[in-house]
PDB file of N, CA and C in Angstrom:
ATOM      1  N   MET A   1       0.864  -1.153   0.069  1.00  0.00           N
ATOM      2  CA  MET A   1       0.008   0.045   0.071  1.00  0.00           C
ATOM      3  C   MET A   1       0.935   1.197  -0.034  1.00  0.00           C
ATOM      4  N   ILE A   2       1.650   1.504   1.010  1.00  0.00           N
ATOM      5  CA  ILE A   2       2.593   2.678   1.109  1.00  0.00           C
ATOM      6  C   ILE A   2       3.910   2.147   0.946  1.00  0.00           C
ATOM      7  N   ALA A   3       4.760   2.651   0.029  1.00  0.00           N
ATOM      8  CA  ALA A   3       6.061   2.181  -0.420  1.00  0.00           C
ATOM      9  C   ALA A   3       7.135   3.164  -0.256  1.00  0.00           C
ATOM     10  N   GLY A   4       7.009   4.043   0.668  1.00  0.00           N
ATOM     11  CA  GLY A   4       8.017   5.029   0.801  1.00  0.00           C
ATOM     12  C   GLY A   4       7.586   6.493   0.879  1.00  0.00           C
ATOM     13  N   GLY A   5       8.404   7.524   0.871  1.00  0.00           N
ATOM     14  CA  GLY A   5       7.874   8.770   0.936  1.00  0.00           C
ATOM     15  C   GLY A   5       9.009   9.859   1.114  1.00  0.00           C
ATOM     16  N   SER A   6       8.555  11.080   1.407  1.00  0.00           N
ATOM     17  CA  SER A   6       9.592  12.131   1.704  1.00  0.00           C
ATOM     18  C   SER A   6       8.838  13.336   2.349  1.00  0.00           C
ATOM     19  N   PRO A   7       9.519  14.036   3.138  1.00  0.00           N
ATOM     20  CA  PRO A   7       8.913  15.322   3.543  1.00  0.00           C
ATOM     21  C   PRO A   7       9.110  16.303   2.486  1.00  0.00           C
ATOM     22  N   THR A   8       8.078  17.178   2.302  1.00  0.00           N
ATOM     23  CA  THR A   8       8.086  18.284   1.411  1.00  0.00           C
ATOM     24  C   THR A   8       8.225  19.553   2.144  1.00  0.00           C
ATOM     25  N   VAL A   9       9.097  20.417   1.764  1.00  0.00           N
ATOM     26  CA  VAL A   9       9.412  21.742   2.296  1.00  0.00           C
ATOM     27  C   VAL A   9       8.912  22.795   1.143  1.00  0.00           C
ATOM     28  N   TYR A  10       7.936  23.687   1.540  1.00  0.00           N
ATOM     29  CA  TYR A  10       7.542  24.667   0.784  1.00  0.00           C
ATOM     30  C   TYR A  10       8.565  25.812   0.854  1.00  0.00           C
ATOM     31  N   VAL A  11       8.909  26.335  -0.356  1.00  0.00           N
ATOM     32  CA  VAL A  11      10.087  27.345  -0.449  1.00  0.00           C
ATOM     33  C   VAL A  11       9.536  28.482  -1.242  1.00  0.00           C
ATOM     34  N   SER A  12      10.129  29.731  -0.909  1.00  0.00           N
ATOM     35  CA  SER A  12       9.801  30.894  -1.617  1.00  0.00           C
ATOM     36  C   SER A  12      10.717  31.188  -2.887  1.00  0.00           C
ATOM     37  N   ASP A  13      11.830  30.505  -2.903  1.00  0.00           N
ATOM     38  CA  ASP A  13      12.736  30.709  -4.064  1.00  0.00           C
ATOM     39  C   ASP A  13      13.447  29.271  -4.228  1.00  0.00           C
ATOM     40  N   MET A  14      12.951  28.675  -5.411  1.00  0.00           N
ATOM     41  CA  MET A  14      13.585  27.435  -5.626  1.00  0.00           C
ATOM     42  C   MET A  14      15.149  27.348  -5.805  1.00  0.00           C
ATOM     43  N   ASP A  15      15.656  28.396  -6.578  1.00  0.00           N
ATOM     44  CA  ASP A  15      17.070  28.376  -6.854  1.00  0.00           C
ATOM     45  C   ASP A  15      17.755  28.523  -5.451  1.00  0.00           C
ATOM     46  N   ALA A  16      17.354  29.338  -4.554  1.00  0.00           N
ATOM     47  CA  ALA A  16      17.988  29.673  -3.353  1.00  0.00           C
ATOM     48  C   ALA A  16      17.857  28.297  -2.425  1.00  0.00           C
ATOM     49  N   ALA A  17      16.759  27.618  -2.515  1.00  0.00           N
ATOM     50  CA  ALA A  17      16.436  26.422  -1.746  1.00  0.00           C
ATOM     51  C   ALA A  17      17.419  25.283  -2.182  1.00  0.00           C
ATOM     52  N   VAL A  18      17.529  25.118  -3.587  1.00  0.00           N
ATOM     53  CA  VAL A  18      18.369  24.087  -4.058  1.00  0.00           C
ATOM     54  C   VAL A  18      19.860  24.464  -3.731  1.00  0.00           C
ATOM     55  N   GLN A  19      20.226  25.603  -3.815  1.00  0.00           N
ATOM     56  CA  GLN A  19      21.607  26.062  -3.506  1.00  0.00           C
ATOM     57  C   GLN A  19      21.917  25.737  -1.987  1.00  0.00           C
ATOM     58  N   PHE A  20      21.003  25.982  -1.077  1.00  0.00           N
ATOM     59  CA  PHE A  20      21.032  25.770   0.354  1.00  0.00           C
ATOM     60  C   PHE A  20      21.330  24.335   0.564  1.00  0.00           C
ATOM     61  N   TYR A  21      20.430  23.526   0.120  1.00  0.00           N
ATOM     62  CA  TYR A  21      20.427  21.976   0.369  1.00  0.00           C
ATOM     63  C   TYR A  21      21.580  21.326  -0.211  1.00  0.00           C
ATOM     64  N   THR A  22      22.001  21.841  -1.509  1.00  0.00           N
ATOM     65  CA  THR A  22      23.123  21.168  -2.117  1.00  0.00           C
ATOM     66  C   THR A  22      24.391  21.821  -1.885  1.00  0.00           C
ATOM     67  N   GLY A  23      24.446  23.068  -2.186  1.00  0.00           N
ATOM     68  CA  GLY A  23      25.677  23.836  -1.980  1.00  0.00           C
ATOM     69  C   GLY A  23      26.256  24.067  -0.614  1.00  0.00           C
ATOM     70  N   VAL A  24      25.223  24.375   0.339  1.00  0.00           N
ATOM     71  CA  VAL A  24      25.546  24.689   1.721  1.00  0.00           C
ATOM     72  C   VAL A  24      25.591  23.396   2.502  1.00  0.00           C
ATOM     73  N   LEU A  25      24.561  22.679   2.452  1.00  0.00           N
ATOM     74  CA  LEU A  25      24.429  21.398   3.261  1.00  0.00           C
ATOM     75  C   LEU A  25      25.201  20.229   2.582  1.00  0.00           C
ATOM     76  N   GLY A  26      25.524  20.438   1.383  1.00  0.00           N
ATOM     77  CA  GLY A  26      26.243  19.303   0.629  1.00  0.00           C
ATOM     78  C   GLY A  26      25.472  18.046   0.202  1.00  0.00           C
ATOM     79  N   LEU A  27      24.139  18.149   0.209  1.00  0.00           N
ATOM     80  CA  LEU A  27      23.254  17.150  -0.212  1.00  0.00           C
ATOM     81  C   LEU A  27      23.360  17.004  -1.604  1.00  0.00           C
ATOM     82  N   GLN A  28      22.868  15.882  -2.207  1.00  0.00           N
ATOM     83  CA  GLN A  28      22.827  15.576  -3.589  1.00  0.00           C
ATOM     84  C   GLN A  28      21.468  15.736  -4.308  1.00  0.00           C
ATOM     85  N   LEU A  29      21.477  16.687  -5.338  1.00  0.00           N
ATOM     86  CA  LEU A  29      20.309  16.939  -6.001  1.00  0.00           C
ATOM     87  C   LEU A  29      19.984  15.703  -7.025  1.00  0.00           C
ATOM     88  N   GLU A  30      18.839  15.095  -6.718  1.00  0.00           N
ATOM     89  CA  GLU A  30      18.485  13.984  -7.603  1.00  0.00           C
ATOM     90  C   GLU A  30      17.673  14.235  -8.783  1.00  0.00           C
ATOM     91  N   PHE A  31      16.793  15.272  -8.653  1.00  0.00           N
ATOM     92  CA  PHE A  31      15.872  15.590  -9.645  1.00  0.00           C
ATOM     93  C   PHE A  31      15.361  17.036  -9.589  1.00  0.00           C
ATOM     94  N   ARG A  32      15.128  17.661 -10.666  1.00  0.00           N
ATOM     95  CA  ARG A  32      14.674  18.935 -10.547  1.00  0.00           C
ATOM     96  C   ARG A  32      13.811  19.202 -11.756  1.00  0.00           C
ATOM     97  N   ALA A  33      12.627  19.803 -11.536  1.00  0.00           N
ATOM     98  CA  ALA A  33      11.671  20.079 -12.592  1.00  0.00           C
ATOM     99  C   ALA A  33      11.497  21.573 -12.746  1.00  0.00           C
ATOM    100  N   GLY A  34      12.479  22.148 -13.113  1.00  0.00           N
ATOM    101  CA  GLY A  34      12.417  23.685 -13.100  1.00  0.00           C
ATOM    102  C   GLY A  34      12.166  24.339 -11.809  1.00  0.00           C
ATOM    103  N   ASP A  35      11.192  25.200 -11.781  1.00  0.00           N
ATOM    104  CA  ASP A  35      10.754  25.802 -10.424  1.00  0.00           C
ATOM    105  C   ASP A  35       9.603  25.109  -9.800  1.00  0.00           C
ATOM    106  N   HIS A  36       9.202  23.942 -10.309  1.00  0.00           N
ATOM    107  CA  HIS A  36       8.039  23.166  -9.832  1.00  0.00           C
ATOM    108  C   HIS A  36       8.381  22.175  -8.774  1.00  0.00           C
ATOM    109  N   TRP A  37       9.543  21.638  -8.692  1.00  0.00           N
ATOM    110  CA  TRP A  37       9.886  20.482  -7.835  1.00  0.00           C
ATOM    111  C   TRP A  37      11.330  20.218  -7.906  1.00  0.00           C
ATOM    112  N   ALA A  38      11.902  19.938  -6.692  1.00  0.00           N
ATOM    113  CA  ALA A  38      13.377  19.382  -6.684  1.00  0.00           C
ATOM    114  C   ALA A  38      13.272  18.236  -5.650  1.00  0.00           C
ATOM    115  N   SER A  39      14.082  17.239  -5.788  1.00  0.00           N
ATOM    116  CA  SER A  39      14.307  16.158  -4.833  1.00  0.00           C
ATOM    117  C   SER A  39      15.730  16.037  -4.472  1.00  0.00           C
ATOM    118  N   VAL A  40      15.861  16.138  -3.128  1.00  0.00           N
ATOM    119  CA  VAL A  40      17.380  16.156  -2.661  1.00  0.00           C
ATOM    120  C   VAL A  40      17.623  14.964  -1.834  1.00  0.00           C
ATOM    121  N   ASN A  41      18.694  14.213  -2.102  1.00  0.00           N
ATOM    122  CA  ASN A  41      19.031  13.078  -1.301  1.00  0.00           C
ATOM    123  C   ASN A  41      19.849  13.408  -0.057  1.00  0.00           C
ATOM    124  N   ALA A  42      19.216  13.193   1.151  1.00  0.00           N
ATOM    125  CA  ALA A  42      19.741  13.431   2.426  1.00  0.00           C
ATOM    126  C   ALA A  42      20.550  12.227   3.074  1.00  0.00           C
ATOM    127  N   GLY A  43      20.499  11.150   2.257  1.00  0.00           N
ATOM    128  CA  GLY A  43      21.263   9.906   2.750  1.00  0.00           C
ATOM    129  C   GLY A  43      20.319   8.946   3.625  1.00  0.00           C
ATOM    130  N   ALA A  44      20.766   7.719   3.663  1.00  0.00           N
ATOM    131  CA  ALA A  44      20.058   6.618   4.500  1.00  0.00           C
ATOM    132  C   ALA A  44      18.609   6.652   4.156  1.00  0.00           C
ATOM    133  N   GLY A  45      18.267   6.827   2.791  1.00  0.00           N
ATOM    134  CA  GLY A  45      16.872   6.680   2.370  1.00  0.00           C
ATOM    135  C   GLY A  45      16.087   7.853   2.510  1.00  0.00           C
ATOM    136  N   LEU A  46      16.484   8.872   3.069  1.00  0.00           N
ATOM    137  CA  LEU A  46      15.689  10.180   3.217  1.00  0.00           C
ATOM    138  C   LEU A  46      15.843  11.137   2.023  1.00  0.00           C
ATOM    139  N   ARG A  47      14.837  11.432   1.370  1.00  0.00           N
ATOM    140  CA  ARG A  47      14.799  12.308   0.249  1.00  0.00           C
ATOM    141  C   ARG A  47      13.820  13.480   0.676  1.00  0.00           C
ATOM    142  N   ILE A  48      14.318  14.714   0.500  1.00  0.00           N
ATOM    143  CA  ILE A  48      13.543  15.864   0.843  1.00  0.00           C
ATOM    144  C   ILE A  48      13.170  16.498  -0.456  1.00  0.00           C
ATOM    145  N   GLY A  49      11.751  16.763  -0.569  1.00  0.00           N
ATOM    146  CA  GLY A  49      11.210  17.331  -1.654  1.00  0.00           C
ATOM    147  C   GLY A  49      11.146  18.872  -1.471  1.00  0.00           C
ATOM    148  N   LEU A  50      11.391  19.703  -2.373  1.00  0.00           N
ATOM    149  CA  LEU A  50      11.258  21.185  -2.360  1.00  0.00           C
ATOM    150  C   LEU A  50      10.189  21.506  -3.495  1.00  0.00           C
ATOM    151  N   HIS A  51       9.282  22.337  -2.899  1.00  0.00           N
ATOM    152  CA  HIS A  51       8.115  22.733  -3.728  1.00  0.00           C
ATOM    153  C   HIS A  51       7.835  24.272  -3.535  1.00  0.00           C
ATOM    154  N   PRO A  52       7.590  24.840  -4.619  1.00  0.00           N
ATOM    155  CA  PRO A  52       7.256  26.307  -4.470  1.00  0.00           C
ATOM    156  C   PRO A  52       5.972  26.455  -3.600  1.00  0.00           C
ATOM    157  N   ALA A  53       6.037  27.411  -2.822  1.00  0.00           N
ATOM    158  CA  ALA A  53       4.758  27.802  -2.067  1.00  0.00           C
ATOM    159  C   ALA A  53       3.748  28.362  -3.057  1.00  0.00           C
ATOM    160  N   GLY A  54       2.577  28.176  -2.835  1.00  0.00           N
ATOM    161  CA  GLY A  54       1.424  28.661  -3.716  1.00  0.00           C
ATOM    162  C   GLY A  54       0.148  29.060  -3.051  1.00  0.00           C
ATOM    163  N   GLU A  55      -0.830  29.152  -3.864  1.00  0.00           N
ATOM    164  CA  GLU A  55      -2.190  29.669  -3.345  1.00  0.00           C
ATOM    165  C   GLU A  55      -2.620  28.715  -2.334  1.00  0.00           C
ATOM    166  N   HIS A  56      -2.442  27.458  -2.485  1.00  0.00           N
ATOM    167  CA  HIS A  56      -2.982  26.380  -1.590  1.00  0.00           C
ATOM    168  C   HIS A  56      -2.106  25.832  -0.536  1.00  0.00           C
ATOM    169  N   THR A  57      -0.925  26.477  -0.312  1.00  0.00           N
ATOM    170  CA  THR A  57       0.128  26.034   0.606  1.00  0.00           C
ATOM    171  C   THR A  57       0.316  27.111   1.731  1.00  0.00           C
ATOM    172  N   PRO A  58       0.889  26.587   2.814  1.00  0.00           N
ATOM    173  CA  PRO A  58       1.285  27.607   3.878  1.00  0.00           C
ATOM    174  C   PRO A  58       2.538  28.378   3.381  1.00  0.00           C
ATOM    175  N   PRO A  59       2.607  29.621   3.891  1.00  0.00           N
ATOM    176  CA  PRO A  59       3.861  30.348   3.485  1.00  0.00           C
ATOM    177  C   PRO A  59       5.150  29.570   4.120  1.00  0.00           C
ATOM    178  N   PRO A  60       6.270  29.649   3.339  1.00  0.00           N
ATOM    179  CA  PRO A  60       7.480  29.037   3.793  1.00  0.00           C
ATOM    180  C   PRO A  60       7.819  29.579   5.286  1.00  0.00           C
ATOM    181  N   GLY A  61       8.274  28.570   6.035  1.00  0.00           N
ATOM    182  CA  GLY A  61       8.855  28.945   7.411  1.00  0.00           C
ATOM    183  C   GLY A  61       7.599  29.172   8.408  1.00  0.00           C
ATOM    184  N   THR A  62       6.400  28.884   8.026  1.00  0.00           N
ATOM    185  CA  THR A  62       5.408  28.817   9.112  1.00  0.00           C
ATOM    186  C   THR A  62       4.813  27.361   9.388  1.00  0.00           C
ATOM    187  N   ARG A  63       3.945  27.413  10.358  1.00  0.00           N
ATOM    188  CA  ARG A  63       3.341  26.059  10.716  1.00  0.00           C
ATOM    189  C   ARG A  63       2.685  25.446   9.404  1.00  0.00           C
ATOM    190  N   GLY A  64       3.011  24.249   9.292  1.00  0.00           N
ATOM    191  CA  GLY A  64       2.466  23.516   8.191  1.00  0.00           C
ATOM    192  C   GLY A  64       3.232  23.588   6.825  1.00  0.00           C
ATOM    193  N   ALA A  65       4.318  24.347   6.965  1.00  0.00           N
ATOM    194  CA  ALA A  65       5.101  24.499   5.622  1.00  0.00           C
ATOM    195  C   ALA A  65       6.008  23.270   5.296  1.00  0.00           C
ATOM    196  N   ILE A  66       5.858  22.280   6.081  1.00  0.00           N
ATOM    197  CA  ILE A  66       6.551  21.017   5.792  1.00  0.00           C
ATOM    198  C   ILE A  66       5.489  19.918   6.046  1.00  0.00           C
ATOM    199  N   THR A  67       5.347  19.164   4.936  1.00  0.00           N
ATOM    200  CA  THR A  67       4.400  18.113   4.795  1.00  0.00           C
ATOM    201  C   THR A  67       5.256  16.818   4.574  1.00  0.00           C
ATOM    202  N   ILE A  68       4.460  15.680   4.839  1.00  0.00           N
ATOM    203  CA  ILE A  68       5.074  14.281   4.573  1.00  0.00           C
ATOM    204  C   ILE A  68       4.313  13.699   3.457  1.00  0.00           C
ATOM    205  N   GLY A  69       5.047  13.341   2.445  1.00  0.00           N
ATOM    206  CA  GLY A  69       4.401  12.652   1.176  1.00  0.00           C
ATOM    207  C   GLY A  69       4.741  11.185   1.362  1.00  0.00           C
ATOM    208  N   LEU A  70       3.764  10.368   1.027  1.00  0.00           N
ATOM    209  CA  LEU A  70       3.794   8.996   1.077  1.00  0.00           C
ATOM    210  C   LEU A  70       3.561   8.366  -0.317  1.00  0.00           C
ATOM    211  N   LEU A  71       4.497   7.727  -0.894  1.00  0.00           N
ATOM    212  CA  LEU A  71       4.349   7.084  -2.172  1.00  0.00           C
ATOM    213  C   LEU A  71       3.421   5.780  -2.090  1.00  0.00           C
ATOM    214  N   VAL A  72       2.619   5.527  -3.027  1.00  0.00           N
ATOM    215  CA  VAL A  72       1.912   4.402  -3.019  1.00  0.00           C
ATOM    216  C   VAL A  72       2.160   3.441  -4.082  1.00  0.00           C
ATOM    217  N   ASP A  73       2.101   2.096  -3.944  1.00  0.00           N
ATOM    218  CA  ASP A  73       2.457   1.193  -4.814  1.00  0.00           C
ATOM    219  C   ASP A  73       1.322   0.473  -5.572  1.00  0.00           C
ATOM    220  N   GLU A  74       0.150   1.074  -5.423  1.00  0.00           N
ATOM    221  CA  GLU A  74      -1.128   0.724  -6.114  1.00  0.00           C
ATOM    222  C   GLU A  74      -1.914   1.803  -6.269  1.00  0.00           C
ATOM    223  N   PRO A  75      -3.029   1.806  -7.154  1.00  0.00           N
ATOM    224  CA  PRO A  75      -3.669   2.890  -7.464  1.00  0.00           C
ATOM    225  C   PRO A  75      -4.105   3.708  -6.307  1.00  0.00           C
ATOM    226  N   ILE A  76      -4.030   5.079  -6.453  1.00  0.00           N
ATOM    227  CA  ILE A  76      -4.213   5.936  -5.285  1.00  0.00           C
ATOM    228  C   ILE A  76      -5.668   5.830  -4.840  1.00  0.00           C
ATOM    229  N   ASP A  77      -6.621   5.665  -5.806  1.00  0.00           N
ATOM    230  CA  ASP A  77      -7.939   5.686  -5.550  1.00  0.00           C
ATOM    231  C   ASP A  77      -8.272   4.466  -4.607  1.00  0.00           C
ATOM    232  N   THR A  78      -7.530   3.285  -4.905  1.00  0.00           N
ATOM    233  CA  THR A  78      -7.700   2.077  -3.957  1.00  0.00           C
ATOM    234  C   THR A  78      -7.298   2.466  -2.623  1.00  0.00           C
ATOM    235  N   VAL A  79      -6.063   3.113  -2.455  1.00  0.00           N
ATOM    236  CA  VAL A  79      -5.561   3.394  -1.193  1.00  0.00           C
ATOM    237  C   VAL A  79      -6.459   4.470  -0.429  1.00  0.00           C
ATOM    238  N   VAL A  80      -6.826   5.555  -1.067  1.00  0.00           N
ATOM    239  CA  VAL A  80      -7.736   6.341  -0.464  1.00  0.00           C
ATOM    240  C   VAL A  80      -9.078   5.741  -0.027  1.00  0.00           C
ATOM    241  N   ALA A  81      -9.571   4.799  -0.772  1.00  0.00           N
ATOM    242  CA  ALA A  81     -10.870   4.143  -0.297  1.00  0.00           C
ATOM    243  C   ALA A  81     -10.535   3.311   0.879  1.00  0.00           C
ATOM    244  N   ARG A  82      -9.380   2.578   1.023  1.00  0.00           N
ATOM    245  CA  ARG A  82      -9.109   1.819   2.102  1.00  0.00           C
ATOM    246  C   ARG A  82      -8.848   2.591   3.470  1.00  0.00           C
ATOM    247  N   LEU A  83      -8.173   3.764   3.252  1.00  0.00           N
ATOM    248  CA  LEU A  83      -7.761   4.509   4.417  1.00  0.00           C
ATOM    249  C   LEU A  83      -9.108   5.341   4.880  1.00  0.00           C
ATOM    250  N   THR A  84      -9.975   5.597   3.977  1.00  0.00           N
ATOM    251  CA  THR A  84     -11.276   6.157   4.302  1.00  0.00           C
ATOM    252  C   THR A  84     -12.149   5.228   5.186  1.00  0.00           C
ATOM    253  N   GLU A  85     -12.101   3.940   4.794  1.00  0.00           N
ATOM    254  CA  GLU A  85     -12.757   2.910   5.611  1.00  0.00           C
ATOM    255  C   GLU A  85     -12.134   2.807   7.051  1.00  0.00           C
ATOM    256  N   ARG A  86     -10.898   3.252   7.110  1.00  0.00           N
ATOM    257  CA  ARG A  86     -10.256   3.263   8.476  1.00  0.00           C
ATOM    258  C   ARG A  86     -10.412   4.502   9.158  1.00  0.00           C
ATOM    259  N   GLY A  87     -11.274   5.460   8.683  1.00  0.00           N
ATOM    260  CA  GLY A  87     -11.498   6.634   9.375  1.00  0.00           C
ATOM    261  C   GLY A  87     -10.551   7.801   8.987  1.00  0.00           C
ATOM    262  N   VAL A  88      -9.811   7.759   7.961  1.00  0.00           N
ATOM    263  CA  VAL A  88      -8.971   8.932   7.581  1.00  0.00           C
ATOM    264  C   VAL A  88      -9.783   9.815   6.635  1.00  0.00           C
ATOM    265  N   PRO A  89     -10.081  10.987   7.200  1.00  0.00           N
ATOM    266  CA  PRO A  89     -10.669  12.085   6.312  1.00  0.00           C
ATOM    267  C   PRO A  89      -9.833  12.740   5.354  1.00  0.00           C
ATOM    268  N   PHE A  90     -10.127  12.722   4.076  1.00  0.00           N
ATOM    269  CA  PHE A  90      -9.257  13.290   3.049  1.00  0.00           C
ATOM    270  C   PHE A  90      -9.803  14.785   2.898  1.00  0.00           C
ATOM    271  N   ALA A  91      -9.035  15.648   2.539  1.00  0.00           N
ATOM    272  CA  ALA A  91      -9.199  17.104   2.235  1.00  0.00           C
ATOM    273  C   ALA A  91      -9.522  17.188   0.759  1.00  0.00           C
ATOM    274  N   GLY A  92     -10.605  16.853   0.365  1.00  0.00           N
ATOM    275  CA  GLY A  92     -11.145  16.882  -1.039  1.00  0.00           C
ATOM    276  C   GLY A  92     -10.707  15.570  -1.872  1.00  0.00           C
ATOM    277  N   PRO A  93     -11.114  15.636  -3.157  1.00  0.00           N
ATOM    278  CA  PRO A  93     -10.909  14.423  -3.939  1.00  0.00           C
ATOM    279  C   PRO A  93      -9.517  14.430  -4.269  1.00  0.00           C
ATOM    280  N   VAL A  94      -9.133  13.230  -4.977  1.00  0.00           N
ATOM    281  CA  VAL A  94      -7.634  13.041  -5.572  1.00  0.00           C
ATOM    282  C   VAL A  94      -7.459  14.170  -6.555  1.00  0.00           C
ATOM    283  N   ARG A  95      -6.352  14.719  -6.592  1.00  0.00           N
ATOM    284  CA  ARG A  95      -6.025  15.816  -7.570  1.00  0.00           C
ATOM    285  C   ARG A  95      -5.000  15.184  -8.484  1.00  0.00           C
ATOM    286  N   ALA A  96      -5.137  15.503  -9.763  1.00  0.00           N
ATOM    287  CA  ALA A  96      -4.215  15.144 -10.721  1.00  0.00           C
ATOM    288  C   ALA A  96      -3.347  16.308 -11.134  1.00  0.00           C
ATOM    289  N   GLU A  97      -1.969  16.205 -10.811  1.00  0.00           N
ATOM    290  CA  GLU A  97      -1.070  17.206 -11.115  1.00  0.00           C
ATOM    291  C   GLU A  97      -0.278  16.816 -12.319  1.00  0.00           C
ATOM    292  N   ARG A  98       0.863  17.446 -12.577  1.00  0.00           N
ATOM    293  CA  ARG A  98       1.721  17.315 -13.783  1.00  0.00           C
ATOM    294  C   ARG A  98       2.030  15.861 -13.883  1.00  0.00           C
ATOM    295  N   MET A  99       2.785  15.177 -13.069  1.00  0.00           N
ATOM    296  CA  MET A  99       3.303  13.950 -13.269  1.00  0.00           C
ATOM    297  C   MET A  99       2.756  12.856 -12.248  1.00  0.00           C
ATOM    298  N   LEU A 100       1.853  13.320 -11.377  1.00  0.00           N
ATOM    299  CA  LEU A 100       1.395  12.373 -10.340  1.00  0.00           C
ATOM    300  C   LEU A 100      -0.131  12.843  -9.805  1.00  0.00           C
ATOM    301  N   LYS A 101      -0.685  11.836  -9.195  1.00  0.00           N
ATOM    302  CA  LYS A 101      -2.028  12.105  -8.449  1.00  0.00           C
ATOM    303  C   LYS A 101      -1.634  12.259  -6.968  1.00  0.00           C
ATOM    304  N   LEU A 102      -2.417  13.187  -6.310  1.00  0.00           N
ATOM    305  CA  LEU A 102      -2.266  13.439  -4.898  1.00  0.00           C
ATOM    306  C   LEU A 102      -3.437  13.363  -4.186  1.00  0.00           C
ATOM    307  N   ALA A 103      -3.345  12.892  -2.996  1.00  0.00           N
ATOM    308  CA  ALA A 103      -4.637  12.959  -1.933  1.00  0.00           C
ATOM    309  C   ALA A 103      -4.098  13.481  -0.592  1.00  0.00           C
ATOM    310  N   PHE A 104      -4.699  14.624  -0.129  1.00  0.00           N
ATOM    311  CA  PHE A 104      -4.254  15.116   1.091  1.00  0.00           C
ATOM    312  C   PHE A 104      -5.036  14.865   2.229  1.00  0.00           C
ATOM    313  N   PHE A 105      -4.396  14.573   3.494  1.00  0.00           N
ATOM    314  CA  PHE A 105      -5.090  14.269   4.758  1.00  0.00           C
ATOM    315  C   PHE A 105      -4.224  14.776   5.948  1.00  0.00           C
ATOM    316  N   HIS A 106      -4.877  14.693   7.048  1.00  0.00           N
ATOM    317  CA  HIS A 106      -3.946  15.165   8.231  1.00  0.00           C
ATOM    318  C   HIS A 106      -4.021  13.995   9.350  1.00  0.00           C
ATOM    319  N   ASP A 107      -2.916  14.153  10.154  1.00  0.00           N
ATOM    320  CA  ASP A 107      -2.818  13.111  11.252  1.00  0.00           C
ATOM    321  C   ASP A 107      -3.620  13.781  12.389  1.00  0.00           C
ATOM    322  N   PRO A 108      -3.789  13.055  13.524  1.00  0.00           N
ATOM    323  CA  PRO A 108      -4.568  13.619  14.561  1.00  0.00           C
ATOM    324  C   PRO A 108      -4.265  14.851  15.113  1.00  0.00           C
ATOM    325  N   ASP A 109      -2.987  15.207  14.987  1.00  0.00           N
ATOM    326  CA  ASP A 109      -2.565  16.590  15.427  1.00  0.00           C
ATOM    327  C   ASP A 109      -2.813  17.729  14.516  1.00  0.00           C
ATOM    328  N   GLY A 110      -3.244  17.387  13.311  1.00  0.00           N
ATOM    329  CA  GLY A 110      -3.453  18.373  12.159  1.00  0.00           C
ATOM    330  C   GLY A 110      -2.215  18.493  11.348  1.00  0.00           C
ATOM    331  N   ASN A 111      -1.153  17.673  11.411  1.00  0.00           N
ATOM    332  CA  ASN A 111      -0.100  17.775  10.497  1.00  0.00           C
ATOM    333  C   ASN A 111      -0.444  17.262   9.079  1.00  0.00           C
ATOM    334  N   GLU A 112      -0.116  17.953   8.224  1.00  0.00           N
ATOM    335  CA  GLU A 112      -0.459  17.453   6.697  1.00  0.00           C
ATOM    336  C   GLU A 112       0.382  16.410   6.144  1.00  0.00           C
ATOM    337  N   LEU A 113      -0.319  15.426   5.604  1.00  0.00           N
ATOM    338  CA  LEU A 113       0.383  14.347   4.880  1.00  0.00           C
ATOM    339  C   LEU A 113      -0.354  14.289   3.507  1.00  0.00           C
ATOM    340  N   TYR A 114       0.296  13.620   2.683  1.00  0.00           N
ATOM    341  CA  TYR A 114      -0.446  13.303   1.254  1.00  0.00           C
ATOM    342  C   TYR A 114       0.149  12.095   0.736  1.00  0.00           C
ATOM    343  N   LEU A 115      -0.723  11.361  -0.026  1.00  0.00           N
ATOM    344  CA  LEU A 115      -0.369  10.172  -0.847  1.00  0.00           C
ATOM    345  C   LEU A 115      -0.035  10.714  -2.138  1.00  0.00           C
ATOM    346  N   ALA A 116       0.971  10.017  -2.856  1.00  0.00           N
ATOM    347  CA  ALA A 116       1.273  10.381  -4.210  1.00  0.00           C
ATOM    348  C   ALA A 116       1.451   9.052  -4.985  1.00  0.00           C
ATOM    349  N   GLU A 117       0.825   9.118  -6.148  1.00  0.00           N
ATOM    350  CA  GLU A 117       0.916   8.077  -7.194  1.00  0.00           C
ATOM    351  C   GLU A 117       1.540   8.627  -8.447  1.00  0.00           C
ATOM    352  N   PRO A 118       2.849   8.213  -8.719  1.00  0.00           N
ATOM    353  CA  PRO A 118       3.479   8.791  -9.883  1.00  0.00           C
ATOM    354  C   PRO A 118       2.657   8.318 -11.098  1.00  0.00           C
ATOM    355  N   ALA A 119       2.828   9.088 -12.279  1.00  0.00           N
ATOM    356  CA  ALA A 119       2.153   8.727 -13.518  1.00  0.00           C
ATOM    357  C   ALA A 119       2.798   7.416 -14.073  1.00  0.00           C
ATOM    358  N   ARG A 120       1.946   6.585 -14.556  1.00  0.00           N
ATOM    359  CA  ARG A 120       2.366   5.276 -14.983  1.00  0.00           C
ATOM    360  C   ARG A 120       2.551   5.209 -16.368  1.00  0.00           C
TER     361      ARG A 120
END
């Protein structure tokens, strides 16, 4: 059902964020899609996603500006249905983005998490 994931950090300037995580911290840039997304390898299986802040995200550096993304290894609609049966309330329907489908929800403390199904 869940096959991995990464924290996502909302950023105000993708170039500055990539420079900080790679140039300053010395982490390896694995993937970058212009100013839409970057994935940084922090070692030991931890990958940090960098995403520009937008209309539907918290401002960088504020409560909620870091979320946890969980990759799914089966269709996202199946996983959403299963988790809904277990009492997980999702924040709206599954959204289709550029290269993946996303479903957002919160843990009991209100921390945001999301499921992600890469395009097949």
